[in-house]
Amino acid sequence: MSQPNYLTPEGEAKLKAELEELKGPRREELAARLRSAIQMGDLSENADYHKAKEDQGFLEGRIQELEAILRNSIIIEKSASRDIVSIGNHITIQEEGFDPETYHLVGPTEADPRNGKISHESPIGKALMNKKVGEVAEAEAPGGKIKFKILKID
């Protein structure tokens, strides 16, 4: 049994929209490319045909991947708890000597650190889990250990 994918409702909607796009317009576009390439004749030396077949393989692979992610998803609503950090919370932390930063704790499928979404499985995410406001967490980062204080849980 594969591990569940933790998704926020927004993350689930985004993946469903991508799946619909791939299964509809993108599949139709590829089918048209394949028909067009086949009509050109000799398939053994037809670069358009081979590229379209390769693209079709990637498309179908991504469709299967998205369906599996959605099938094994646990939707995380905004956590009701503001006492301890859990998936779905927005957490404001401060590393000594730096400005406070706020992160949204999400599952790995949705993680996007540049946009403030960190996975609960990342070093910082793991360090934050089950901590309370005022506590200091420590994480092993590529540049060494970092310590930060939890200022707020939303």
N, C-alpha and C. Protein backbone atom coordinates (compact mmCIF):
# COMPACT_ATOMS: atom_id res chain seq x y z
N MET A 1 0.86 -1.18 0.00
CA MET A 1 0.00 0.00 0.00
C MET A 1 0.89 1.23 0.00
N SER A 2 0.63 2.14 -0.92
CA SER A 2 1.45 3.34 -0.99
C SER A 2 1.04 4.32 0.10
N GLN A 3 1.97 5.20 0.41
CA GLN A 3 1.74 6.22 1.43
C GLN A 3 0.67 7.20 0.93
N PRO A 4 -0.18 7.68 1.82
CA PRO A 4 -1.20 8.65 1.38
C PRO A 4 -0.55 9.98 1.00
N ASN A 5 -1.21 10.69 0.11
CA ASN A 5 -0.77 12.03 -0.28
C ASN A 5 -1.62 13.01 0.49
N TYR A 6 -0.98 13.90 1.23
CA TYR A 6 -1.71 14.91 1.96
C TYR A 6 -1.85 16.13 1.04
N LEU A 7 -3.08 16.53 0.79
CA LEU A 7 -3.36 17.67 -0.09
C LEU A 7 -4.31 18.64 0.59
N THR A 8 -4.08 19.93 0.37
CA THR A 8 -5.06 20.92 0.81
C THR A 8 -6.18 20.90 -0.23
N PRO A 9 -7.35 21.44 0.08
CA PRO A 9 -8.42 21.50 -0.93
C PRO A 9 -7.97 22.23 -2.20
N GLU A 10 -7.12 23.27 -2.05
CA GLU A 10 -6.61 24.00 -3.22
C GLU A 10 -5.70 23.12 -4.06
N GLY A 11 -4.86 22.35 -3.38
CA GLY A 11 -3.95 21.44 -4.09
C GLY A 11 -4.71 20.37 -4.84
N GLU A 12 -5.76 19.85 -4.22
CA GLU A 12 -6.59 18.83 -4.88
C GLU A 12 -7.25 19.43 -6.13
N ALA A 13 -7.79 20.63 -6.00
CA ALA A 13 -8.46 21.29 -7.14
C ALA A 13 -7.47 21.52 -8.29
N LYS A 14 -6.25 21.90 -7.95
CA LYS A 14 -5.22 22.16 -8.96
C LYS A 14 -4.89 20.88 -9.73
N LEU A 15 -4.72 19.76 -9.00
CA LEU A 15 -4.40 18.49 -9.64
C LEU A 15 -5.58 17.99 -10.50
N LYS A 16 -6.80 18.16 -10.01
CA LYS A 16 -7.98 17.75 -10.78
C LYS A 16 -8.08 18.56 -12.07
N ALA A 17 -7.79 19.86 -12.00
CA ALA A 17 -7.84 20.71 -13.19
C ALA A 17 -6.79 20.27 -14.21
N GLU A 18 -5.58 19.94 -13.72
CA GLU A 18 -4.53 19.47 -14.62
C GLU A 18 -4.95 18.16 -15.27
N LEU A 19 -5.53 17.26 -14.49
CA LEU A 19 -5.99 15.97 -15.02
C LEU A 19 -7.04 16.15 -16.11
N GLU A 20 -7.99 17.03 -15.88
CA GLU A 20 -9.04 17.30 -16.88
C GLU A 20 -8.43 17.85 -18.17
N GLU A 21 -7.47 18.76 -18.03
CA GLU A 21 -6.79 19.34 -19.19
C GLU A 21 -6.06 18.26 -19.99
N LEU A 22 -5.37 17.37 -19.27
CA LEU A 22 -4.61 16.30 -19.94
C LEU A 22 -5.53 15.29 -20.62
N LYS A 23 -6.61 14.92 -19.94
CA LYS A 23 -7.52 13.91 -20.49
C LYS A 23 -8.38 14.45 -21.63
N GLY A 24 -8.58 15.76 -21.67
CA GLY A 24 -9.42 16.36 -22.70
C GLY A 24 -8.60 16.97 -23.82
N PRO A 25 -8.38 18.30 -23.75
CA PRO A 25 -7.70 19.03 -24.82
C PRO A 25 -6.32 18.48 -25.20
N ARG A 26 -5.50 18.10 -24.21
CA ARG A 26 -4.14 17.63 -24.54
C ARG A 26 -4.17 16.29 -25.25
N ARG A 27 -5.04 15.36 -24.83
CA ARG A 27 -5.16 14.07 -25.51
C ARG A 27 -5.63 14.27 -26.94
N GLU A 28 -6.62 15.14 -27.13
CA GLU A 28 -7.17 15.41 -28.47
C GLU A 28 -6.10 16.01 -29.37
N GLU A 29 -5.32 16.93 -28.83
CA GLU A 29 -4.25 17.57 -29.59
C GLU A 29 -3.22 16.53 -30.05
N LEU A 30 -2.85 15.62 -29.16
CA LEU A 30 -1.89 14.57 -29.51
C LEU A 30 -2.47 13.61 -30.55
N ALA A 31 -3.74 13.26 -30.41
CA ALA A 31 -4.38 12.37 -31.38
C ALA A 31 -4.34 13.01 -32.77
N ALA A 32 -4.59 14.30 -32.84
CA ALA A 32 -4.55 15.02 -34.13
C ALA A 32 -3.13 15.02 -34.69
N ARG A 33 -2.14 15.23 -33.83
CA ARG A 33 -0.74 15.19 -34.29
C ARG A 33 -0.37 13.83 -34.84
N LEU A 34 -0.83 12.77 -34.13
CA LEU A 34 -0.54 11.41 -34.59
C LEU A 34 -1.20 11.12 -35.93
N ARG A 35 -2.48 11.51 -36.08
CA ARG A 35 -3.19 11.29 -37.36
C ARG A 35 -2.46 12.01 -38.49
N SER A 36 -2.06 13.23 -38.22
CA SER A 36 -1.37 14.02 -39.24
C SER A 36 -0.04 13.37 -39.62
N ALA A 37 0.71 12.90 -38.65
CA ALA A 37 2.01 12.26 -38.91
C ALA A 37 1.83 10.95 -39.67
N ILE A 38 0.80 10.17 -39.31
CA ILE A 38 0.54 8.89 -39.97
C ILE A 38 0.21 9.11 -41.45
N GLN A 39 -0.49 10.19 -41.74
CA GLN A 39 -0.88 10.49 -43.12
C GLN A 39 0.32 10.84 -43.99
N MET A 40 1.44 11.17 -43.36
CA MET A 40 2.64 11.51 -44.13
C MET A 40 3.31 10.27 -44.71
N GLY A 41 2.90 9.09 -44.27
CA GLY A 41 3.46 7.87 -44.85
C GLY A 41 4.50 7.22 -43.97
N ASP A 42 5.56 6.73 -44.58
CA ASP A 42 6.63 5.94 -43.96
C ASP A 42 6.92 6.34 -42.51
N LEU A 43 6.43 5.53 -41.57
CA LEU A 43 6.55 5.85 -40.15
C LEU A 43 7.95 5.61 -39.60
N SER A 44 8.73 4.74 -40.25
CA SER A 44 10.05 4.41 -39.72
C SER A 44 10.99 5.62 -39.71
N GLU A 45 10.80 6.56 -40.64
CA GLU A 45 11.66 7.73 -40.69
C GLU A 45 10.88 9.02 -40.44
N ASN A 46 9.74 8.90 -39.79
CA ASN A 46 8.88 10.05 -39.57
C ASN A 46 9.11 10.62 -38.16
N ALA A 47 9.91 11.69 -38.09
CA ALA A 47 10.28 12.28 -36.79
C ALA A 47 9.05 12.82 -36.05
N ASP A 48 8.10 13.41 -36.78
CA ASP A 48 6.89 13.94 -36.15
C ASP A 48 6.12 12.83 -35.45
N TYR A 49 6.01 11.68 -36.12
CA TYR A 49 5.29 10.53 -35.56
C TYR A 49 5.97 10.04 -34.28
N HIS A 50 7.29 9.88 -34.35
CA HIS A 50 8.04 9.37 -33.18
C HIS A 50 7.96 10.34 -32.01
N LYS A 51 8.04 11.64 -32.29
CA LYS A 51 7.94 12.64 -31.22
C LYS A 51 6.54 12.62 -30.62
N ALA A 52 5.52 12.52 -31.46
CA ALA A 52 4.14 12.48 -30.96
C ALA A 52 3.90 11.23 -30.12
N LYS A 53 4.46 10.09 -30.51
CA LYS A 53 4.32 8.85 -29.73
C LYS A 53 5.02 9.00 -28.38
N GLU A 54 6.19 9.62 -28.39
CA GLU A 54 6.93 9.84 -27.14
C GLU A 54 6.13 10.77 -26.22
N ASP A 55 5.60 11.86 -26.78
CA ASP A 55 4.79 12.80 -26.01
C ASP A 55 3.55 12.10 -25.45
N GLN A 56 2.97 11.21 -26.24
CA GLN A 56 1.79 10.46 -25.80
C GLN A 56 2.13 9.60 -24.59
N GLY A 57 3.30 8.97 -24.61
CA GLY A 57 3.74 8.16 -23.47
C GLY A 57 3.87 9.00 -22.20
N PHE A 58 4.47 10.19 -22.34
CA PHE A 58 4.60 11.08 -21.17
C PHE A 58 3.24 11.54 -20.67
N LEU A 59 2.36 11.88 -21.60
CA LEU A 59 1.01 12.35 -21.24
C LEU A 59 0.26 11.27 -20.47
N GLU A 60 0.24 10.06 -21.02
CA GLU A 60 -0.47 8.97 -20.36
C GLU A 60 0.15 8.63 -19.01
N GLY A 61 1.48 8.74 -18.91
CA GLY A 61 2.16 8.51 -17.64
C GLY A 61 1.75 9.53 -16.59
N ARG A 62 1.67 10.80 -17.00
CA ARG A 62 1.28 11.86 -16.06
C ARG A 62 -0.18 11.68 -15.64
N ILE A 63 -1.04 11.28 -16.58
CA ILE A 63 -2.45 11.03 -16.24
C ILE A 63 -2.53 9.93 -15.18
N GLN A 64 -1.79 8.84 -15.37
CA GLN A 64 -1.80 7.74 -14.39
C GLN A 64 -1.26 8.21 -13.04
N GLU A 65 -0.20 9.02 -13.08
CA GLU A 65 0.39 9.53 -11.83
C GLU A 65 -0.62 10.40 -11.07
N LEU A 66 -1.29 11.32 -11.78
CA LEU A 66 -2.28 12.19 -11.14
C LEU A 66 -3.44 11.38 -10.58
N GLU A 67 -3.92 10.40 -11.33
CA GLU A 67 -5.03 9.57 -10.85
C GLU A 67 -4.63 8.83 -9.59
N ALA A 68 -3.40 8.32 -9.54
CA ALA A 68 -2.92 7.61 -8.34
C ALA A 68 -2.80 8.56 -7.15
N ILE A 69 -2.28 9.75 -7.38
CA ILE A 69 -2.14 10.73 -6.30
C ILE A 69 -3.53 11.05 -5.73
N LEU A 70 -4.48 11.34 -6.63
CA LEU A 70 -5.82 11.72 -6.18
C LEU A 70 -6.54 10.55 -5.49
N ARG A 71 -6.29 9.34 -5.98
CA ARG A 71 -6.93 8.16 -5.40
C ARG A 71 -6.44 7.91 -3.97
N ASN A 72 -5.17 8.22 -3.71
CA ASN A 72 -4.57 7.97 -2.40
C ASN A 72 -4.44 9.24 -1.56
N SER A 73 -5.30 10.22 -1.82
CA SER A 73 -5.18 11.50 -1.12
C SER A 73 -6.00 11.56 0.15
N ILE A 74 -5.43 12.27 1.09
CA ILE A 74 -6.14 12.65 2.31
C ILE A 74 -6.19 14.16 2.26
N ILE A 75 -7.40 14.70 2.24
CA ILE A 75 -7.55 16.14 2.14
C ILE A 75 -7.41 16.74 3.54
N ILE A 76 -6.50 17.69 3.64
CA ILE A 76 -6.26 18.33 4.93
C ILE A 76 -6.93 19.69 4.93
N GLU A 77 -7.89 19.81 5.76
CA GLU A 77 -8.55 21.10 5.95
C GLU A 77 -7.64 21.92 6.83
N LYS A 78 -7.88 23.19 6.88
CA LYS A 78 -7.11 24.06 7.78
C LYS A 78 -7.28 23.49 9.18
N SER A 79 -6.18 23.21 9.81
CA SER A 79 -6.22 22.58 11.13
C SER A 79 -6.94 23.47 12.14
N ALA A 80 -7.82 22.85 12.89
CA ALA A 80 -8.56 23.58 13.91
C ALA A 80 -7.66 23.93 15.10
N SER A 81 -6.62 23.11 15.27
CA SER A 81 -5.72 23.32 16.40
C SER A 81 -4.76 24.46 16.14
N ARG A 82 -4.72 25.36 17.09
CA ARG A 82 -3.73 26.44 17.01
C ARG A 82 -2.76 26.28 18.17
N ASP A 83 -2.87 25.15 18.85
CA ASP A 83 -2.01 24.89 20.01
C ASP A 83 -0.72 24.19 19.59
N ILE A 84 -0.85 23.20 18.69
CA ILE A 84 0.33 22.48 18.24
C ILE A 84 0.34 22.44 16.71
N VAL A 85 1.53 22.45 16.16
CA VAL A 85 1.70 22.46 14.71
C VAL A 85 1.28 21.13 14.10
N SER A 86 0.45 21.20 13.05
CA SER A 86 0.10 20.00 12.28
C SER A 86 -0.05 20.39 10.82
N ILE A 87 -0.19 19.40 9.96
CA ILE A 87 -0.34 19.65 8.53
C ILE A 87 -1.57 20.53 8.31
N GLY A 88 -1.41 21.52 7.44
CA GLY A 88 -2.51 22.43 7.14
C GLY A 88 -2.35 23.77 7.83
N ASN A 89 -1.52 23.83 8.88
CA ASN A 89 -1.31 25.10 9.59
C ASN A 89 -0.41 26.04 8.80
N HIS A 90 -0.59 27.33 9.08
CA HIS A 90 0.35 28.37 8.67
C HIS A 90 1.14 28.67 9.94
N ILE A 91 2.47 28.57 9.85
CA ILE A 91 3.31 28.74 11.02
C ILE A 91 4.28 29.89 10.78
N THR A 92 4.32 30.82 11.73
CA THR A 92 5.29 31.92 11.66
C THR A 92 6.44 31.55 12.58
N ILE A 93 7.63 31.55 11.99
CA ILE A 93 8.84 31.19 12.75
C ILE A 93 9.87 32.31 12.60
N GLN A 94 10.82 32.33 13.52
CA GLN A 94 11.89 33.31 13.42
C GLN A 94 13.20 32.68 13.82
N GLU A 95 14.14 32.77 12.89
CA GLU A 95 15.50 32.33 13.17
C GLU A 95 16.22 33.52 13.79
N GLU A 96 17.06 33.28 14.77
CA GLU A 96 17.72 34.38 15.46
C GLU A 96 18.49 35.26 14.47
N GLY A 97 18.25 36.57 14.55
CA GLY A 97 18.94 37.50 13.67
C GLY A 97 18.26 37.72 12.33
N PHE A 98 17.14 37.05 12.10
CA PHE A 98 16.42 37.18 10.83
C PHE A 98 14.99 37.65 11.07
N ASP A 99 14.34 38.11 10.00
CA ASP A 99 12.94 38.50 10.09
C ASP A 99 12.07 37.25 10.20
N PRO A 100 10.89 37.38 10.83
CA PRO A 100 9.97 36.24 10.90
C PRO A 100 9.53 35.81 9.49
N GLU A 101 9.29 34.53 9.33
CA GLU A 101 8.81 33.98 8.06
C GLU A 101 7.59 33.10 8.36
N THR A 102 6.63 33.12 7.44
CA THR A 102 5.44 32.29 7.62
C THR A 102 5.41 31.22 6.53
N TYR A 103 5.16 29.98 6.95
CA TYR A 103 5.09 28.85 6.03
C TYR A 103 3.75 28.15 6.18
N HIS A 104 3.28 27.56 5.08
CA HIS A 104 2.09 26.72 5.08
C HIS A 104 2.61 25.29 5.06
N LEU A 105 2.27 24.50 6.08
CA LEU A 105 2.74 23.13 6.18
C LEU A 105 1.80 22.22 5.38
N VAL A 106 2.32 21.60 4.32
CA VAL A 106 1.52 20.79 3.40
C VAL A 106 2.18 19.44 3.19
N GLY A 107 1.52 18.57 2.44
CA GLY A 107 2.12 17.29 2.06
C GLY A 107 3.16 17.49 0.97
N PRO A 108 4.03 16.49 0.73
CA PRO A 108 5.12 16.62 -0.24
C PRO A 108 4.65 16.89 -1.67
N THR A 109 3.47 16.41 -2.04
CA THR A 109 2.96 16.61 -3.40
C THR A 109 2.77 18.09 -3.70
N GLU A 110 2.39 18.86 -2.69
CA GLU A 110 2.09 20.28 -2.86
C GLU A 110 3.23 21.21 -2.47
N ALA A 111 4.29 20.66 -1.89
CA ALA A 111 5.38 21.49 -1.39
C ALA A 111 5.92 22.41 -2.49
N ASP A 112 6.12 23.66 -2.14
CA ASP A 112 6.64 24.67 -3.05
C ASP A 112 7.31 25.74 -2.18
N PRO A 113 8.53 25.44 -1.71
CA PRO A 113 9.20 26.33 -0.75
C PRO A 113 9.31 27.78 -1.21
N ARG A 114 9.50 28.01 -2.50
CA ARG A 114 9.62 29.40 -2.99
C ARG A 114 8.34 30.18 -2.75
N ASN A 115 7.22 29.46 -2.67
CA ASN A 115 5.94 30.12 -2.42
C ASN A 115 5.43 29.88 -1.00
N GLY A 116 6.34 29.53 -0.10
CA GLY A 116 5.99 29.41 1.31
C GLY A 116 5.27 28.13 1.71
N LYS A 117 5.27 27.13 0.83
CA LYS A 117 4.63 25.85 1.17
C LYS A 117 5.72 24.82 1.39
N ILE A 118 5.82 24.35 2.64
CA ILE A 118 6.85 23.35 2.94
C ILE A 118 6.19 22.04 3.36
N SER A 119 6.86 20.96 3.02
CA SER A 119 6.36 19.62 3.33
C SER A 119 6.57 19.30 4.81
N HIS A 120 5.60 18.56 5.36
CA HIS A 120 5.76 18.10 6.74
C HIS A 120 6.87 17.06 6.84
N GLU A 121 7.36 16.57 5.67
CA GLU A 121 8.44 15.58 5.65
C GLU A 121 9.81 16.23 5.45
N SER A 122 9.83 17.55 5.18
CA SER A 122 11.10 18.25 5.01
C SER A 122 11.78 18.41 6.37
N PRO A 123 13.08 18.71 6.38
CA PRO A 123 13.74 18.89 7.68
C PRO A 123 13.05 19.94 8.57
N ILE A 124 12.70 21.09 8.00
CA ILE A 124 12.04 22.13 8.80
C ILE A 124 10.63 21.67 9.18
N GLY A 125 9.92 21.07 8.25
CA GLY A 125 8.56 20.57 8.53
C GLY A 125 8.56 19.56 9.65
N LYS A 126 9.50 18.62 9.61
CA LYS A 126 9.60 17.60 10.67
C LYS A 126 9.90 18.26 12.02
N ALA A 127 10.77 19.26 12.00
CA ALA A 127 11.15 19.95 13.25
C ALA A 127 9.95 20.71 13.83
N LEU A 128 9.06 21.20 12.96
CA LEU A 128 7.91 21.97 13.42
C LEU A 128 6.77 21.11 13.96
N MET A 129 6.59 19.92 13.39
CA MET A 129 5.44 19.08 13.75
C MET A 129 5.34 18.89 15.27
N ASN A 130 4.12 19.07 15.75
CA ASN A 130 3.76 18.85 17.16
C ASN A 130 4.43 19.81 18.15
N LYS A 131 5.00 20.89 17.64
CA LYS A 131 5.57 21.91 18.53
C LYS A 131 4.50 22.95 18.85
N LYS A 132 4.77 23.74 19.90
CA LYS A 132 3.83 24.77 20.35
C LYS A 132 4.43 26.16 20.16
N VAL A 133 3.57 27.17 20.21
CA VAL A 133 4.03 28.56 20.15
C VAL A 133 5.00 28.78 21.30
N GLY A 134 6.11 29.45 20.99
CA GLY A 134 7.11 29.73 22.01
C GLY A 134 8.23 28.72 22.04
N GLU A 135 8.00 27.53 21.50
CA GLU A 135 9.04 26.51 21.50
C GLU A 135 10.08 26.80 20.43
N VAL A 136 11.28 26.29 20.67
CA VAL A 136 12.35 26.42 19.69
C VAL A 136 12.52 25.07 19.01
N ALA A 137 12.55 25.10 17.68
CA ALA A 137 12.75 23.88 16.90
C ALA A 137 14.12 23.94 16.25
N GLU A 138 14.69 22.78 16.00
CA GLU A 138 16.00 22.70 15.38
C GLU A 138 15.92 21.77 14.19
N ALA A 139 16.47 22.22 13.05
CA ALA A 139 16.44 21.39 11.85
C ALA A 139 17.82 21.33 11.22
N GLU A 140 18.10 20.22 10.58
CA GLU A 140 19.35 20.04 9.86
C GLU A 140 19.11 20.53 8.44
N ALA A 141 19.75 21.63 8.07
CA ALA A 141 19.61 22.20 6.73
C ALA A 141 20.91 21.97 5.96
N PRO A 142 20.87 22.17 4.63
CA PRO A 142 22.10 21.96 3.84
C PRO A 142 23.30 22.77 4.37
N GLY A 143 23.02 23.95 4.93
CA GLY A 143 24.10 24.79 5.45
C GLY A 143 24.44 24.52 6.91
N GLY A 144 23.86 23.47 7.50
CA GLY A 144 24.10 23.15 8.91
C GLY A 144 22.82 23.26 9.71
N LYS A 145 22.94 23.13 11.02
CA LYS A 145 21.77 23.20 11.89
C LYS A 145 21.21 24.62 11.97
N ILE A 146 19.87 24.70 11.95
CA ILE A 146 19.24 26.01 12.16
C ILE A 146 18.24 25.86 13.30
N LYS A 147 18.18 26.91 14.12
CA LYS A 147 17.23 26.96 15.23
C LYS A 147 16.26 28.10 14.97
N PHE A 148 15.01 27.84 15.24
CA PHE A 148 14.03 28.90 15.06
C PHE A 148 12.93 28.76 16.09
N LYS A 149 12.35 29.90 16.47
CA LYS A 149 11.30 29.94 17.46
C LYS A 149 9.95 30.02 16.75
N ILE A 150 8.97 29.30 17.27
CA ILE A 150 7.63 29.34 16.71
C ILE A 150 6.88 30.50 17.35
N LEU A 151 6.51 31.47 16.50
CA LEU A 151 5.86 32.69 16.99
C LEU A 151 4.34 32.60 16.94
N LYS A 152 3.81 31.89 15.93
CA LYS A 152 2.37 31.88 15.73
C LYS A 152 1.95 30.64 14.93
N ILE A 153 0.80 30.08 15.28
CA ILE A 153 0.21 28.95 14.54
C ILE A 153 -1.19 29.37 14.11
N ASP A 154 -1.44 29.35 12.82
CA ASP A 154 -2.77 29.67 12.26
C ASP A 154 -3.33 28.47 11.54
